[in-house]
Amino acid sequence: MARIMTEPTSPLQIADFRRFWCARFIAVAATLSMVVLLGYQTYDIARADYGYSRQEGAFLLGLLGLAQFIPLLLLTPVAGWVADKFDRRHVAAIANLTDCLIAGVLAAMTWLEALNLPILFTLAAMHGGARVFLGPSMSAIAPNIVPAKLLPKAIAFSSISWQGATVIGPAIGGFAFAEAQWLPHATSTVLLVMSAALIMSIRPVKARQSAVPVHPVRQMVDGAKFTFKHRFLLGCITLDLFAVILAGATALLPVFARDILQVGPEGLGIMRGAPALGAAAVALILSFRPLENNVGVKMLWAVVVFGIATIVFGISRDLWLSLTALVVLGAADMISVFVRSSLVQLNTPDEMRGRVSSISGLAISASNELGEMQSGIAAGILGATGAVVFGGVGAILVTALWAWIFPELRLAKRFTSEYLDDDPPKEKPV
């Protein structure tokens, strides 16, 4: 009897997507464990070995974020073109193996007790370079292995993978670090090899090329033009960019863990995973009940809640209140991420998807790394608490300003391309 072929109703019914999901989960868990502990080791070495004050150590964490951002800034246009020109599986696997090398060096140098600030900053910059190629290639793989109608669910499931790994990776890494400081880095080394193998097990899908050959530089320029010529996309991306730059409290978590809440590396791992716990809960809900109405207004209110939760975390001196604020912060941020990701992926031609994803990835990375730098500089002036509260207030003010500058955001109702026209939607007469 012939087998009846039916179309999948969930991305998880597609074998290649399951491999993609597992590879993403493993890679994120391993790299975040590595990066969070790299920050903790930087702050701890600065305080214990170099005699830095708390504010000087916090400022150093800001510079660590800058060290990761500079390669991202310089390599993003090239990374997008590479993701569109070459096999995206190969690009992602090589990026994972580069992070594997970084984790291996961290494990060895930690075991030998030979770590110092120059080594830590060099490894942070190498990680920034690896991540700039991993982001566009992984973002561009998913739309090639799932039908377009399942893409919003695929994005939500991918977010669950990301957020779940963000909870588990730093938490396990923190407890392992307390047992043996080299152990979490050695574990990350093995996991990143597994992730690269899973990526290569996905069936190759050739990226669509433009019918007319175009110079690579022109291709990159076209990708940037497509991203920034539409006011709705521009408003979504820049709202998230500036809100997170101002309210990027995660860079200062080593300060809160070591000196303010005094919970050590174990507490740091739990705190670093708390935003992802809230985000994963929201992503799970969105995977079954995606946002359908008033998406713009919901995104704006989510950023306001993000700012309020940041303020609460900054003034808290209780671990449980701090964790609650971080969970709420992550849940609110997830809504903004879901709206932006869905719009970018659904409204980008496949032959430009890698370049557009790289521009979006640059905004995300800029908000994270520049947010860390801003937090470090502000902490050097205002102290860690003052810097976090300042950032939360700034995020709320930016949201109000963007709602006025980009009326498209508050007028957007559904996930369609009608808001990507050059003319903004008109307000309905009362």
Protein backbone atom coordinates (compact mmCIF):
# COMPACT_ATOMS: atom_id res chain seq x y z
CA MET A 1 0.00 0.00 0.00
CA ALA A 2 1.38 3.37 -0.97
CA ARG A 3 2.18 5.69 1.91
CA ILE A 4 -0.01 8.77 2.04
CA MET A 5 2.20 11.86 2.15
CA THR A 6 0.84 14.71 4.22
CA GLU A 7 2.23 18.18 4.68
CA PRO A 8 3.82 18.82 8.08
CA THR A 9 1.81 20.92 10.50
CA SER A 10 4.72 21.57 12.87
CA PRO A 11 8.40 22.32 12.19
CA LEU A 12 9.32 19.52 14.61
CA GLN A 13 7.88 17.00 12.14
CA ILE A 14 10.74 17.89 9.77
CA ALA A 15 13.93 15.91 10.46
CA ASP A 16 16.30 18.63 9.28
CA PHE A 17 14.63 21.17 11.55
CA ARG A 18 15.03 18.81 14.52
CA ARG A 19 18.75 18.55 13.78
CA PHE A 20 18.93 22.33 13.43
CA TRP A 21 17.06 22.78 16.73
CA CYS A 22 19.41 20.45 18.63
CA ALA A 23 22.53 21.98 17.08
CA ARG A 24 21.37 25.47 18.05
CA PHE A 25 20.52 24.38 21.60
CA ILE A 26 23.89 22.71 22.19
CA ALA A 27 25.90 25.57 20.67
CA VAL A 28 24.10 28.29 22.61
CA ALA A 29 24.38 26.40 25.92
CA ALA A 30 28.11 25.83 25.40
CA THR A 31 29.02 29.32 24.19
CA LEU A 32 26.96 31.15 26.82
CA SER A 33 28.50 29.07 29.59
CA MET A 34 31.89 29.99 28.19
CA VAL A 35 31.16 33.71 27.74
CA VAL A 36 29.44 34.24 31.11
CA LEU A 37 32.33 32.61 32.95
CA LEU A 38 34.82 34.52 30.83
CA GLY A 39 33.23 37.72 32.16
CA TYR A 40 33.31 36.43 35.73
CA GLN A 41 36.96 35.40 35.41
CA THR A 42 37.83 38.80 33.94
CA TYR A 43 36.18 40.65 36.83
CA ASP A 44 37.58 38.29 39.46
CA ILE A 45 41.15 38.45 38.11
CA ALA A 46 40.93 42.24 37.82
CA ARG A 47 39.85 42.51 41.47
CA ALA A 48 42.04 39.78 42.99
CA ASP A 49 45.23 39.86 40.88
CA TYR A 50 45.34 43.43 39.58
CA GLY A 51 43.85 45.17 42.62
CA TYR A 52 41.10 46.98 40.70
CA SER A 53 38.24 48.61 42.61
CA ARG A 54 34.62 47.52 42.07
CA GLN A 55 33.96 50.44 39.71
CA GLU A 56 37.20 49.86 37.79
CA GLY A 57 36.33 46.18 37.44
CA ALA A 58 32.85 47.07 36.18
CA PHE A 59 34.36 49.45 33.63
CA LEU A 60 36.63 46.61 32.47
CA LEU A 61 33.54 44.47 31.80
CA GLY A 62 32.32 47.24 29.52
CA LEU A 63 35.58 47.13 27.60
CA LEU A 64 35.22 43.34 27.32
CA GLY A 65 31.90 43.90 25.54
CA LEU A 66 33.60 46.38 23.22
CA ALA A 67 36.29 43.80 22.41
CA GLN A 68 33.55 41.43 21.20
CA PHE A 69 31.73 44.15 19.27
CA ILE A 70 34.62 45.45 17.15
CA PRO A 71 34.96 42.22 15.10
CA LEU A 72 31.18 42.16 14.69
CA LEU A 73 31.18 45.71 13.35
CA LEU A 74 34.04 45.09 10.93
CA LEU A 75 32.99 41.67 9.64
CA THR A 76 29.17 41.87 9.49
CA PRO A 77 28.91 42.90 5.78
CA VAL A 78 31.32 40.13 4.79
CA ALA A 79 29.53 37.57 6.98
CA GLY A 80 26.18 38.25 5.31
CA TRP A 81 27.68 37.83 1.85
CA VAL A 82 29.44 34.61 2.93
CA ALA A 83 26.13 33.20 4.24
CA ASP A 84 24.51 33.88 0.86
CA LYS A 85 27.44 32.73 -1.29
CA PHE A 86 28.62 29.52 0.39
CA ASP A 87 27.02 26.47 1.97
CA ARG A 88 25.46 27.84 5.16
CA ARG A 89 26.07 24.55 6.97
CA HIS A 90 29.81 24.85 6.38
CA VAL A 91 29.89 28.47 7.56
CA ALA A 92 27.99 27.65 10.76
CA ALA A 93 30.08 24.55 11.48
CA ILE A 94 33.38 26.41 11.06
CA ALA A 95 32.14 29.18 13.37
CA ASN A 96 31.21 26.57 15.99
CA LEU A 97 34.62 24.93 15.72
CA THR A 98 36.28 28.33 16.21
CA ASP A 99 34.35 28.74 19.46
CA CYS A 100 35.42 25.17 20.29
CA LEU A 101 39.06 26.27 19.96
CA ILE A 102 38.41 29.26 22.25
CA ALA A 103 36.78 27.06 24.89
CA GLY A 104 39.68 24.62 24.70
CA VAL A 105 42.22 27.39 25.26
CA LEU A 106 40.19 28.69 28.21
CA ALA A 107 40.06 25.22 29.75
CA ALA A 108 43.81 24.69 29.36
CA MET A 109 44.83 28.14 30.60
CA THR A 110 42.45 27.93 33.55
CA TRP A 111 43.80 24.50 34.52
CA LEU A 112 47.37 25.84 34.28
CA GLU A 113 46.37 28.97 36.27
CA ALA A 114 47.92 31.06 33.49
CA LEU A 115 44.98 33.32 32.62
CA ASN A 116 45.50 37.07 32.53
CA LEU A 117 43.60 40.06 31.16
CA PRO A 118 45.32 40.21 27.72
CA ILE A 119 44.51 36.54 27.07
CA LEU A 120 40.88 36.99 28.17
CA PHE A 121 40.39 40.04 25.94
CA THR A 122 41.97 38.26 22.96
CA LEU A 123 39.66 35.26 23.37
CA ALA A 124 36.65 37.59 23.72
CA ALA A 125 37.54 39.27 20.41
CA MET A 126 37.95 35.88 18.72
CA HIS A 127 34.50 34.87 19.96
CA GLY A 128 33.03 38.06 18.51
CA GLY A 129 34.53 37.19 15.14
CA ALA A 130 33.16 33.63 15.24
CA ARG A 131 29.69 34.76 16.24
CA VAL A 132 29.38 37.26 13.40
CA PHE A 133 29.55 34.37 10.91
CA LEU A 134 27.41 31.98 12.96
CA GLY A 135 24.42 34.33 13.29
CA PRO A 136 23.60 35.03 9.61
CA SER A 137 24.28 31.45 8.51
CA MET A 138 22.06 29.89 11.20
CA SER A 139 19.31 32.48 10.67
CA ALA A 140 19.32 31.76 6.94
CA ILE A 141 19.22 27.95 7.30
CA ALA A 142 15.79 27.73 8.96
CA PRO A 143 13.75 29.35 6.13
CA ASN A 144 15.29 26.86 3.69
CA ILE A 145 14.21 23.74 5.61
CA VAL A 146 10.63 24.64 6.62
CA PRO A 147 7.65 25.77 4.50
CA ALA A 148 6.93 29.51 4.58
CA LYS A 149 3.62 29.00 6.40
CA LEU A 150 5.44 27.24 9.26
CA LEU A 151 8.16 29.89 9.55
CA PRO A 152 6.57 31.85 12.46
CA LYS A 153 6.29 28.60 14.44
CA ALA A 154 9.85 27.67 13.46
CA ILE A 155 11.08 31.04 14.73
CA ALA A 156 9.23 30.50 18.01
CA PHE A 157 10.63 26.97 18.40
CA SER A 158 14.11 28.29 17.60
CA SER A 159 13.63 30.91 20.30
CA ILE A 160 12.70 28.16 22.76
CA SER A 161 15.93 26.38 21.84
CA TRP A 162 17.89 29.60 22.34
CA GLN A 163 16.24 30.62 25.60
CA GLY A 164 16.25 27.12 27.05
CA ALA A 165 19.97 26.82 26.37
CA THR A 166 20.49 30.27 27.89
CA VAL A 167 18.92 29.01 31.12
CA ILE A 168 20.70 25.66 31.25
CA GLY A 169 24.15 26.57 29.91
CA PRO A 170 25.20 29.32 32.37
CA ALA A 171 23.53 27.57 35.34
CA ILE A 172 25.36 24.27 34.80
CA GLY A 173 28.52 26.16 33.92
CA GLY A 174 28.38 28.16 37.16
CA PHE A 175 28.01 25.08 39.36
CA ALA A 176 30.69 23.21 37.41
CA PHE A 177 33.01 26.22 37.76
CA ALA A 178 32.57 26.08 41.54
CA GLU A 179 33.77 22.45 41.48
CA ALA A 180 36.68 22.89 39.06
CA GLN A 181 37.24 26.12 37.15
CA TRP A 182 38.47 24.36 33.99
CA LEU A 183 35.55 21.88 33.84
CA PRO A 184 32.80 24.02 32.19
CA HIS A 185 35.18 25.18 29.46
CA ALA A 186 36.25 21.60 28.72
CA THR A 187 32.59 20.58 28.54
CA SER A 188 31.86 23.43 26.12
CA THR A 189 34.69 22.21 23.89
CA VAL A 190 33.06 18.79 23.49
CA LEU A 191 29.55 20.19 23.03
CA LEU A 192 30.62 22.55 20.25
CA VAL A 193 32.08 19.64 18.28
CA MET A 194 28.72 17.85 18.63
CA SER A 195 26.87 20.95 17.41
CA ALA A 196 29.08 21.24 14.32
CA ALA A 197 28.43 17.57 13.51
CA LEU A 198 24.66 18.04 13.80
CA ILE A 199 24.77 21.07 11.49
CA MET A 200 26.64 19.08 8.86
CA SER A 201 24.03 16.29 9.09
CA ILE A 202 21.37 18.67 7.69
CA ARG A 203 20.75 18.04 4.01
CA PRO A 204 22.40 20.71 1.83
CA VAL A 205 20.09 23.39 0.49
CA LYS A 206 21.55 25.67 -2.13
CA ALA A 207 20.83 29.33 -1.49
CA ARG A 208 18.98 31.04 -4.32
CA GLN A 209 21.15 33.41 -6.31
CA SER A 210 20.10 36.54 -8.16
CA ALA A 211 19.40 35.97 -11.86
CA VAL A 212 21.80 38.78 -12.79
CA PRO A 213 25.35 38.51 -11.39
CA VAL A 214 26.05 41.31 -8.93
CA HIS A 215 29.34 42.40 -7.40
CA PRO A 216 29.65 41.24 -3.76
CA VAL A 217 30.03 44.82 -2.51
CA ARG A 218 26.87 45.81 -4.37
CA GLN A 219 25.07 42.80 -2.89
CA MET A 220 25.98 43.92 0.61
CA VAL A 221 24.87 47.49 -0.11
CA ASP A 222 21.57 46.20 -1.50
CA GLY A 223 21.02 44.17 1.66
CA ALA A 224 21.57 47.22 3.83
CA LYS A 225 19.30 49.35 1.64
CA PHE A 226 16.51 46.80 1.83
CA THR A 227 16.78 46.66 5.62
CA PHE A 228 16.76 50.38 6.25
CA LYS A 229 14.51 51.83 3.56
CA HIS A 230 11.30 50.60 5.24
CA ARG A 231 10.23 52.69 8.22
CA PHE A 232 8.47 49.85 10.01
CA LEU A 233 11.51 47.56 9.94
CA LEU A 234 13.77 50.46 10.81
CA GLY A 235 11.59 51.39 13.78
CA CYS A 236 11.46 47.81 15.09
CA ILE A 237 15.20 47.24 14.82
CA THR A 238 16.30 50.59 16.24
CA LEU A 239 13.80 50.46 19.12
CA ASP A 240 15.31 47.20 20.28
CA LEU A 241 18.81 48.51 19.58
CA PHE A 242 18.61 51.62 21.75
CA ALA A 243 16.46 50.10 24.50
CA VAL A 244 18.91 47.25 25.08
CA ILE A 245 21.96 49.51 24.76
CA LEU A 246 20.59 51.62 27.61
CA ALA A 247 19.20 48.79 29.75
CA GLY A 248 21.88 46.14 29.20
CA ALA A 249 22.20 44.99 32.82
CA THR A 250 23.67 41.56 32.02
CA ALA A 251 27.22 42.94 31.64
CA LEU A 252 27.21 43.91 35.32
CA LEU A 253 25.95 40.56 36.62
CA PRO A 254 29.47 39.52 37.74
CA VAL A 255 29.54 42.66 39.93
CA PHE A 256 26.15 41.85 41.47
CA ALA A 257 27.07 38.17 41.91
CA ARG A 258 30.49 38.70 43.47
CA ASP A 259 30.16 41.93 45.46
CA ILE A 260 26.54 43.13 45.83
CA LEU A 261 24.40 40.00 46.28
CA GLN A 262 27.48 37.91 47.13
CA VAL A 263 26.21 34.68 45.53
CA GLY A 264 29.40 33.65 43.68
CA PRO A 265 29.68 31.89 40.29
CA GLU A 266 26.75 29.59 41.09
CA GLY A 267 24.49 32.60 41.64
CA LEU A 268 25.88 34.26 38.53
CA GLY A 269 24.90 31.26 36.40
CA ILE A 270 21.37 31.26 37.82
CA MET A 271 20.96 35.02 37.36
CA ARG A 272 22.29 34.87 33.80
CA GLY A 273 19.75 32.19 32.96
CA ALA A 274 16.79 33.95 34.62
CA PRO A 275 15.95 36.29 31.68
CA ALA A 276 16.00 33.30 29.36
CA LEU A 277 13.57 31.44 31.63
CA GLY A 278 11.01 34.19 31.17
CA ALA A 279 11.77 34.40 27.48
CA ALA A 280 11.42 30.63 27.03
CA ALA A 281 8.02 30.65 28.72
CA VAL A 282 6.82 33.39 26.36
CA ALA A 283 8.37 31.64 23.34
CA LEU A 284 6.54 28.42 24.25
CA ILE A 285 3.24 30.29 24.38
CA LEU A 286 3.98 32.06 21.08
CA SER A 287 4.84 28.76 19.37
CA PHE A 288 1.23 27.63 19.89
CA ARG A 289 -0.51 31.02 20.00
CA PRO A 290 1.47 33.47 17.85
CA LEU A 291 0.70 37.17 18.15
CA GLU A 292 -1.95 38.10 15.61
CA ASN A 293 -3.43 41.49 16.55
CA ASN A 294 -1.97 44.85 17.59
CA VAL A 295 1.56 43.52 17.30
CA GLY A 296 3.13 46.98 17.29
CA VAL A 297 1.45 48.21 20.47
CA LYS A 298 2.27 44.95 22.24
CA MET A 299 5.92 45.35 21.29
CA LEU A 300 6.00 48.92 22.64
CA TRP A 301 4.44 47.93 25.96
CA ALA A 302 6.84 45.00 26.21
CA VAL A 303 9.81 47.37 26.02
CA VAL A 304 8.27 49.55 28.75
CA VAL A 305 7.94 46.48 31.00
CA PHE A 306 11.53 45.61 30.10
CA GLY A 307 12.66 49.00 31.41
CA ILE A 308 10.63 48.74 34.63
CA ALA A 309 12.00 45.27 35.39
CA THR A 310 15.54 46.57 34.82
CA ILE A 311 14.98 49.31 37.42
CA VAL A 312 13.67 46.78 39.95
CA PHE A 313 16.72 44.57 39.43
CA GLY A 314 19.07 47.50 39.92
CA ILE A 315 17.66 48.51 43.31
CA SER A 316 17.09 44.96 44.63
CA ARG A 317 19.32 43.52 47.35
CA ASP A 318 17.45 40.21 47.61
CA LEU A 319 18.38 37.33 45.31
CA TRP A 320 14.79 36.15 44.79
CA LEU A 321 13.51 39.64 43.92
CA SER A 322 16.44 40.08 41.56
CA LEU A 323 15.68 36.75 39.87
CA THR A 324 11.99 37.67 39.52
CA ALA A 325 12.89 40.98 37.89
CA LEU A 326 15.25 39.22 35.48
CA VAL A 327 12.57 36.66 34.53
CA VAL A 328 10.08 39.46 33.77
CA LEU A 329 12.76 41.35 31.86
CA GLY A 330 13.43 38.34 29.65
CA ALA A 331 9.74 37.66 29.02
CA ALA A 332 9.17 41.24 27.88
CA ASP A 333 12.24 41.21 25.65
CA MET A 334 11.06 37.99 23.98
CA ILE A 335 7.94 39.70 22.63
CA SER A 336 10.07 42.34 20.92
CA VAL A 337 12.39 39.68 19.52
CA PHE A 338 9.47 37.62 18.18
CA VAL A 339 7.87 40.59 16.40
CA ARG A 340 11.12 41.75 14.84
CA SER A 341 12.31 38.29 13.77
CA SER A 342 8.99 37.37 12.16
CA LEU A 343 8.84 40.59 10.16
CA VAL A 344 12.43 40.41 8.96
CA GLN A 345 12.26 36.76 7.90
CA LEU A 346 8.83 36.90 6.26
CA ASN A 347 9.58 40.01 4.22
CA THR A 348 13.08 39.27 2.91
CA PRO A 349 13.82 37.58 -0.45
CA ASP A 350 15.86 34.42 0.06
CA GLU A 351 18.75 35.63 -2.12
CA MET A 352 19.16 38.58 0.29
CA ARG A 353 18.23 36.81 3.51
CA GLY A 354 21.78 36.24 4.71
CA ARG A 355 22.72 39.89 4.21
CA VAL A 356 19.55 41.20 5.80
CA SER A 357 19.96 38.77 8.70
CA SER A 358 23.51 40.04 9.15
CA ILE A 359 22.27 43.64 9.38
CA SER A 360 19.62 42.61 11.91
CA GLY A 361 22.25 40.57 13.72
CA LEU A 362 24.52 43.60 13.82
CA ALA A 363 21.75 45.58 15.53
CA ILE A 364 21.20 42.78 18.05
CA SER A 365 24.91 42.39 18.69
CA ALA A 366 25.39 46.14 18.87
CA SER A 367 22.66 46.38 21.48
CA ASN A 368 24.27 43.60 23.51
CA GLU A 369 27.94 44.52 23.27
CA LEU A 370 27.49 48.31 23.21
CA GLY A 371 24.99 47.85 26.04
CA GLU A 372 27.73 46.11 28.00
CA MET A 373 30.14 48.93 27.20
CA GLN A 374 27.58 51.58 28.18
CA SER A 375 26.82 49.74 31.42
CA GLY A 376 30.51 49.49 32.25
CA ILE A 377 31.14 53.18 31.58
CA ALA A 378 28.03 54.22 33.51
CA ALA A 379 29.00 51.93 36.39
CA GLY A 380 32.42 53.57 36.49
CA ILE A 381 30.64 56.91 37.06
CA LEU A 382 27.39 56.03 38.86
CA GLY A 383 28.22 52.66 40.38
CA ALA A 384 26.59 49.38 39.33
CA THR A 385 23.20 50.18 40.89
CA GLY A 386 23.05 53.68 39.42
CA ALA A 387 24.03 52.42 35.97
CA VAL A 388 21.27 49.79 35.90
CA VAL A 389 18.57 52.20 37.11
CA PHE A 390 19.71 54.82 34.60
CA GLY A 391 19.43 52.25 31.81
CA GLY A 392 15.91 51.18 32.77
CA VAL A 393 14.66 54.76 32.80
CA GLY A 394 16.35 55.37 29.45
CA ALA A 395 14.61 52.36 27.86
CA ILE A 396 11.20 53.70 28.91
CA LEU A 397 11.96 57.16 27.51
CA VAL A 398 13.22 55.69 24.22
CA THR A 399 9.98 53.72 23.84
CA ALA A 400 7.88 56.85 24.25
CA LEU A 401 10.05 58.72 21.74
CA TRP A 402 9.92 55.91 19.15
CA ALA A 403 6.12 55.66 19.44
CA TRP A 404 6.04 59.30 18.35
CA ILE A 405 8.77 59.18 15.67
CA PHE A 406 7.54 55.90 14.15
CA PRO A 407 3.72 55.88 14.26
CA GLU A 408 3.93 52.70 12.16
CA LEU A 409 4.86 50.81 15.31
CA ARG A 410 1.73 51.64 17.29
CA LEU A 411 -0.52 51.41 14.21
CA ALA A 412 0.72 47.99 13.07
CA LYS A 413 -1.96 45.34 13.62
CA ARG A 414 -0.80 42.07 12.06
CA PHE A 415 2.24 40.30 10.60
CA THR A 416 1.87 41.32 6.96
CA SER A 417 3.96 43.20 4.42
CA GLU A 418 1.56 46.16 4.27
CA TYR A 419 3.57 48.00 6.92
CA LEU A 420 6.75 47.73 4.86
CA ASP A 421 5.60 50.20 2.23
CA ASP A 422 7.33 53.54 1.95
CA ASP A 423 4.22 55.37 3.12
CA PRO A 424 3.33 54.86 6.79
CA PRO A 425 -0.18 53.67 7.66
CA LYS A 426 -2.66 56.40 8.39
CA GLU A 427 -4.48 56.74 11.66
CA LYS A 428 -8.17 56.08 11.36
CA PRO A 429 -10.40 59.08 12.04
CA VAL A 430 -12.22 58.98 15.34
